[in-house]
Amino acid sequence: MREFTAVFKQADGWWIGWVEELPGANAQERTLDEARESLQEAVRDILQANRELASVSVSGEPG
């Protein structure tokens, strides 16, 4: 499995997190733990969507 670097910053009482290597992977939550969980979910969702798009582009058919 590929590893990504998560970046977290606190601003105005919120924790903001993102993955620089994966555009669109970001999260904003009240606690750092919640931000980590949300960011992990965002990464999983984006990777799954990218796999599905790649499959369609190669085969011409979904999934």
Protein backbone atom coordinates (compact mmCIF):
# COMPACT_ATOMS: atom_id res chain seq x y z
CA MET A 1 0.00 0.00 0.00
CA ARG A 2 1.20 3.48 -0.82
CA GLU A 3 2.00 5.87 2.02
CA PHE A 4 0.93 9.51 2.03
CA THR A 5 1.96 12.40 4.23
CA ALA A 6 -0.89 14.02 6.12
CA VAL A 7 -0.53 17.65 7.16
CA PHE A 8 -2.59 19.06 10.02
CA LYS A 9 -3.00 22.65 11.12
CA GLN A 10 -5.18 24.21 13.80
CA ALA A 11 -7.07 27.37 12.87
CA ASP A 12 -9.91 29.15 14.66
CA GLY A 13 -10.71 26.17 16.87
CA TRP A 14 -10.76 23.68 13.97
CA TRP A 15 -8.24 21.08 12.85
CA ILE A 16 -7.65 21.13 9.12
CA GLY A 17 -5.89 18.24 7.43
CA TRP A 18 -4.85 17.46 3.89
CA VAL A 19 -2.65 15.18 1.83
CA GLU A 20 -0.45 17.14 -0.56
CA GLU A 21 0.10 14.15 -2.89
CA LEU A 22 -3.63 13.60 -3.33
CA PRO A 23 -5.65 16.62 -4.48
CA GLY A 24 -9.09 16.75 -2.90
CA ALA A 25 -8.09 14.78 0.19
CA ASN A 26 -8.87 17.15 3.03
CA ALA A 27 -10.79 17.30 6.28
CA GLN A 28 -11.90 19.80 8.89
CA GLU A 29 -12.98 18.74 12.36
CA ARG A 30 -13.07 20.05 15.94
CA THR A 31 -10.50 17.54 17.27
CA LEU A 32 -7.27 16.22 15.85
CA ASP A 33 -8.47 12.62 16.22
CA GLU A 34 -11.66 13.39 14.28
CA ALA A 35 -9.65 15.16 11.58
CA ARG A 36 -7.35 12.13 11.25
CA GLU A 37 -10.32 9.78 10.88
CA SER A 38 -12.06 12.03 8.36
CA LEU A 39 -8.88 12.43 6.32
CA GLN A 40 -8.32 8.69 6.23
CA GLU A 41 -11.88 8.24 4.96
CA ALA A 42 -11.38 10.95 2.33
CA VAL A 43 -8.20 9.25 1.10
CA ARG A 44 -9.97 5.86 0.88
CA ASP A 45 -12.88 7.42 -1.04
CA ILE A 46 -10.63 9.25 -3.50
CA LEU A 47 -8.46 6.19 -4.14
CA GLN A 48 -11.56 4.05 -4.73
CA ALA A 49 -13.02 6.63 -7.14
CA ASN A 50 -9.71 6.82 -8.99
CA ARG A 51 -9.59 3.00 -9.31
CA GLU A 52 -13.12 2.98 -10.71
CA LEU A 53 -12.31 5.76 -13.18
CA ALA A 54 -9.17 3.93 -14.30
CA SER A 55 -11.16 0.73 -14.79
CA VAL A 56 -13.73 2.50 -16.95
CA SER A 57 -11.05 4.21 -18.99
CA VAL A 58 -9.22 0.92 -19.66
CA SER A 59 -12.20 -1.35 -20.28
CA GLY A 60 -14.79 1.17 -21.41
CA GLU A 61 -17.22 -0.31 -18.88
CA PRO A 62 -17.87 0.59 -15.25
CA GLY A 63 -16.25 -1.42 -12.43
